[in-house]
Amino acid sequence: MTATDGPSGGDGPSLAGGRRLRVDPVACDGVGQCARVAPRLIALDRWGYPRLLNEPPERVDLPAAERAIRACPFRALWLQRLE
């Protein structure tokens, strides 16, 4: 898997239901809980900050993205609707 370009990942993969996982690099404190609960969607850089993986996930990954969002103590992850 490869990580997206830019600091802390930027745009995440498109998920089922026309949504994209996003990360706010300013709000993130590098705890890493997101990558622990959704390793197919999120990797950590060498400082512990999330890197959103850009390989197209399967439909089953939407629940993993939702778990990662709930696991973040700083609310730095969210799902964005694609238009």
N, C-alpha and C. Protein backbone atom coordinates (compact mmCIF):
# COMPACT_ATOMS: atom_id res chain seq x y z
N MET A 1 0.83 -1.18 0.00
CA MET A 1 0.00 0.00 0.00
C MET A 1 0.88 1.24 0.00
N THR A 2 0.34 2.27 -0.58
CA THR A 2 1.08 3.51 -0.61
C THR A 2 0.28 4.60 0.07
N ALA A 3 0.94 5.52 0.68
CA ALA A 3 0.27 6.63 1.36
C ALA A 3 0.10 7.79 0.40
N THR A 4 -0.88 8.62 0.67
CA THR A 4 -1.10 9.79 -0.17
C THR A 4 0.00 10.80 0.06
N ASP A 5 0.15 11.71 -0.88
CA ASP A 5 1.16 12.75 -0.77
C ASP A 5 0.72 13.82 0.22
N GLY A 6 1.67 14.57 0.72
CA GLY A 6 1.37 15.70 1.58
C GLY A 6 1.40 15.33 3.04
N PRO A 7 1.50 16.31 3.92
CA PRO A 7 1.57 16.06 5.34
C PRO A 7 0.28 15.45 5.87
N SER A 8 0.42 14.42 6.67
CA SER A 8 -0.68 13.76 7.36
C SER A 8 -1.73 13.18 6.43
N GLY A 9 -1.42 12.98 5.17
CA GLY A 9 -2.30 12.22 4.32
C GLY A 9 -3.23 12.98 3.41
N GLY A 10 -3.82 14.09 3.84
CA GLY A 10 -4.72 14.84 2.96
C GLY A 10 -5.97 14.07 2.63
N ASP A 11 -6.25 13.89 1.32
CA ASP A 11 -7.43 13.15 0.89
C ASP A 11 -7.26 11.67 1.17
N GLY A 12 -8.30 11.10 1.70
CA GLY A 12 -8.28 9.68 1.97
C GLY A 12 -8.96 8.91 0.87
N PRO A 13 -9.08 7.61 1.03
CA PRO A 13 -9.70 6.78 0.02
C PRO A 13 -11.19 7.03 -0.06
N SER A 14 -11.75 6.81 -1.25
CA SER A 14 -13.19 6.88 -1.41
C SER A 14 -13.79 5.61 -0.84
N LEU A 15 -14.85 5.76 -0.07
CA LEU A 15 -15.48 4.62 0.59
C LEU A 15 -16.87 4.39 0.02
N ALA A 16 -17.46 3.29 0.41
CA ALA A 16 -18.82 2.99 -0.01
C ALA A 16 -19.74 4.13 0.40
N GLY A 17 -20.76 4.33 -0.37
CA GLY A 17 -21.72 5.38 -0.04
C GLY A 17 -21.28 6.77 -0.47
N GLY A 18 -20.26 6.85 -1.33
CA GLY A 18 -19.82 8.16 -1.83
C GLY A 18 -19.20 9.04 -0.77
N ARG A 19 -18.41 8.47 0.11
CA ARG A 19 -17.75 9.24 1.16
C ARG A 19 -16.25 9.07 1.08
N ARG A 20 -15.53 10.02 1.64
CA ARG A 20 -14.07 9.97 1.67
C ARG A 20 -13.62 10.23 3.11
N LEU A 21 -12.68 9.42 3.57
CA LEU A 21 -12.10 9.61 4.89
C LEU A 21 -11.12 10.77 4.83
N ARG A 22 -11.22 11.68 5.77
CA ARG A 22 -10.35 12.86 5.81
C ARG A 22 -9.72 12.98 7.20
N VAL A 23 -8.57 13.67 7.26
CA VAL A 23 -7.89 13.93 8.53
C VAL A 23 -7.54 15.40 8.61
N ASP A 24 -7.72 15.97 9.80
CA ASP A 24 -7.34 17.36 10.07
C ASP A 24 -5.97 17.32 10.75
N PRO A 25 -4.88 17.66 10.02
CA PRO A 25 -3.55 17.56 10.60
C PRO A 25 -3.31 18.52 11.76
N VAL A 26 -4.09 19.60 11.85
CA VAL A 26 -3.93 20.55 12.94
C VAL A 26 -4.54 19.98 14.23
N ALA A 27 -5.67 19.31 14.10
CA ALA A 27 -6.34 18.75 15.28
C ALA A 27 -5.66 17.48 15.78
N CYS A 28 -5.00 16.75 14.89
CA CYS A 28 -4.39 15.47 15.25
C CYS A 28 -3.19 15.68 16.19
N ASP A 29 -3.10 14.80 17.19
CA ASP A 29 -1.97 14.86 18.13
C ASP A 29 -1.07 13.62 18.02
N GLY A 30 -1.30 12.79 17.01
CA GLY A 30 -0.44 11.64 16.77
C GLY A 30 -0.60 10.51 17.75
N VAL A 31 -1.78 10.32 18.30
CA VAL A 31 -2.02 9.23 19.25
C VAL A 31 -1.94 7.88 18.56
N GLY A 32 -2.48 7.78 17.35
CA GLY A 32 -2.37 6.55 16.56
C GLY A 32 -3.47 5.53 16.73
N GLN A 33 -4.50 5.84 17.50
CA GLN A 33 -5.60 4.89 17.69
C GLN A 33 -6.29 4.58 16.36
N CYS A 34 -6.38 5.54 15.48
CA CYS A 34 -7.06 5.34 14.20
C CYS A 34 -6.41 4.21 13.39
N ALA A 35 -5.09 4.18 13.34
CA ALA A 35 -4.38 3.15 12.58
C ALA A 35 -4.51 1.78 13.24
N ARG A 36 -4.67 1.75 14.54
CA ARG A 36 -4.83 0.47 15.23
C ARG A 36 -6.16 -0.18 14.90
N VAL A 37 -7.21 0.62 14.74
CA VAL A 37 -8.53 0.05 14.47
C VAL A 37 -8.85 -0.03 12.98
N ALA A 38 -8.10 0.66 12.12
CA ALA A 38 -8.34 0.63 10.68
C ALA A 38 -7.02 0.57 9.90
N PRO A 39 -6.23 -0.49 10.08
CA PRO A 39 -4.91 -0.55 9.44
C PRO A 39 -4.95 -0.65 7.92
N ARG A 40 -6.08 -1.05 7.34
CA ARG A 40 -6.17 -1.10 5.87
C ARG A 40 -6.45 0.28 5.28
N LEU A 41 -6.84 1.23 6.12
CA LEU A 41 -7.14 2.58 5.65
C LEU A 41 -6.10 3.61 6.07
N ILE A 42 -5.44 3.36 7.21
CA ILE A 42 -4.56 4.37 7.80
C ILE A 42 -3.24 3.73 8.24
N ALA A 43 -2.15 4.37 7.88
CA ALA A 43 -0.82 3.99 8.36
C ALA A 43 -0.30 5.18 9.17
N LEU A 44 0.71 4.94 9.97
CA LEU A 44 1.31 6.03 10.75
C LEU A 44 2.67 6.38 10.16
N ASP A 45 2.99 7.68 10.14
CA ASP A 45 4.31 8.09 9.69
C ASP A 45 5.29 7.86 10.84
N ARG A 46 6.52 8.22 10.65
CA ARG A 46 7.54 7.93 11.67
C ARG A 46 7.34 8.71 12.97
N TRP A 47 6.51 9.74 12.96
CA TRP A 47 6.22 10.51 14.16
C TRP A 47 4.90 10.10 14.82
N GLY A 48 4.21 9.14 14.21
CA GLY A 48 2.95 8.65 14.77
C GLY A 48 1.70 9.34 14.25
N TYR A 49 1.85 10.17 13.22
CA TYR A 49 0.69 10.85 12.64
C TYR A 49 0.10 10.01 11.51
N PRO A 50 -1.22 10.10 11.32
CA PRO A 50 -1.87 9.24 10.32
C PRO A 50 -1.55 9.64 8.89
N ARG A 51 -1.41 8.63 8.06
CA ARG A 51 -1.26 8.77 6.62
C ARG A 51 -2.40 7.95 6.02
N LEU A 52 -3.31 8.59 5.32
CA LEU A 52 -4.43 7.89 4.72
C LEU A 52 -3.94 7.14 3.50
N LEU A 53 -4.24 5.87 3.43
CA LEU A 53 -3.79 5.04 2.33
C LEU A 53 -4.69 5.25 1.12
N ASN A 54 -4.11 5.28 -0.06
CA ASN A 54 -4.90 5.63 -1.23
C ASN A 54 -5.30 4.45 -2.09
N GLU A 55 -5.04 3.23 -1.67
CA GLU A 55 -5.56 2.10 -2.42
C GLU A 55 -7.06 2.03 -2.22
N PRO A 56 -7.81 1.75 -3.27
CA PRO A 56 -9.27 1.72 -3.11
C PRO A 56 -9.69 0.63 -2.12
N PRO A 57 -10.36 1.01 -1.06
CA PRO A 57 -10.81 0.02 -0.10
C PRO A 57 -12.07 -0.67 -0.59
N GLU A 58 -12.39 -1.77 0.04
CA GLU A 58 -13.62 -2.49 -0.28
C GLU A 58 -14.76 -1.88 0.53
N ARG A 59 -15.98 -2.25 0.18
CA ARG A 59 -17.15 -1.75 0.90
C ARG A 59 -17.07 -2.04 2.39
N VAL A 60 -16.45 -3.12 2.76
CA VAL A 60 -16.36 -3.51 4.16
C VAL A 60 -15.55 -2.50 4.98
N ASP A 61 -14.80 -1.63 4.33
CA ASP A 61 -13.95 -0.67 5.03
C ASP A 61 -14.71 0.53 5.60
N LEU A 62 -15.95 0.75 5.21
CA LEU A 62 -16.71 1.86 5.78
C LEU A 62 -16.87 1.69 7.30
N PRO A 63 -17.21 0.50 7.79
CA PRO A 63 -17.26 0.34 9.25
C PRO A 63 -15.90 0.58 9.92
N ALA A 64 -14.82 0.19 9.25
CA ALA A 64 -13.48 0.44 9.81
C ALA A 64 -13.20 1.93 9.90
N ALA A 65 -13.62 2.68 8.89
CA ALA A 65 -13.44 4.13 8.92
C ALA A 65 -14.25 4.74 10.06
N GLU A 66 -15.45 4.26 10.26
CA GLU A 66 -16.28 4.78 11.36
C GLU A 66 -15.66 4.44 12.72
N ARG A 67 -15.06 3.26 12.85
CA ARG A 67 -14.36 2.90 14.10
C ARG A 67 -13.18 3.83 14.33
N ALA A 68 -12.43 4.14 13.28
CA ALA A 68 -11.27 5.03 13.40
C ALA A 68 -11.72 6.42 13.84
N ILE A 69 -12.82 6.90 13.30
CA ILE A 69 -13.35 8.21 13.68
C ILE A 69 -13.71 8.23 15.16
N ARG A 70 -14.39 7.18 15.61
CA ARG A 70 -14.78 7.12 17.03
C ARG A 70 -13.57 6.95 17.95
N ALA A 71 -12.50 6.32 17.46
CA ALA A 71 -11.32 6.06 18.29
C ALA A 71 -10.45 7.30 18.49
N CYS A 72 -10.61 8.30 17.65
CA CYS A 72 -9.75 9.48 17.72
C CYS A 72 -10.16 10.38 18.90
N PRO A 73 -9.26 10.55 19.88
CA PRO A 73 -9.60 11.38 21.04
C PRO A 73 -9.66 12.88 20.71
N PHE A 74 -9.13 13.28 19.55
CA PHE A 74 -9.11 14.69 19.18
C PHE A 74 -10.09 15.03 18.06
N ARG A 75 -10.88 14.05 17.65
CA ARG A 75 -11.89 14.25 16.59
C ARG A 75 -11.25 14.82 15.31
N ALA A 76 -10.09 14.28 14.96
CA ALA A 76 -9.36 14.77 13.80
C ALA A 76 -9.73 14.04 12.50
N LEU A 77 -10.58 13.03 12.58
CA LEU A 77 -11.01 12.29 11.40
C LEU A 77 -12.49 12.49 11.17
N TRP A 78 -12.89 12.49 9.90
CA TRP A 78 -14.32 12.56 9.58
C TRP A 78 -14.53 12.00 8.19
N LEU A 79 -15.79 11.71 7.87
CA LEU A 79 -16.17 11.28 6.54
C LEU A 79 -16.76 12.45 5.79
N GLN A 80 -16.25 12.69 4.62
CA GLN A 80 -16.75 13.77 3.77
C GLN A 80 -17.56 13.15 2.64
N ARG A 81 -18.73 13.71 2.39
CA ARG A 81 -19.55 13.25 1.27
C ARG A 81 -18.97 13.76 -0.04
N LEU A 82 -18.87 12.86 -1.02
CA LEU A 82 -18.38 13.25 -2.34
C LEU A 82 -19.56 13.74 -3.17
N GLU A 83 -19.33 14.74 -3.97
CA GLU A 83 -20.41 15.28 -4.81
C GLU A 83 -20.20 14.95 -6.26
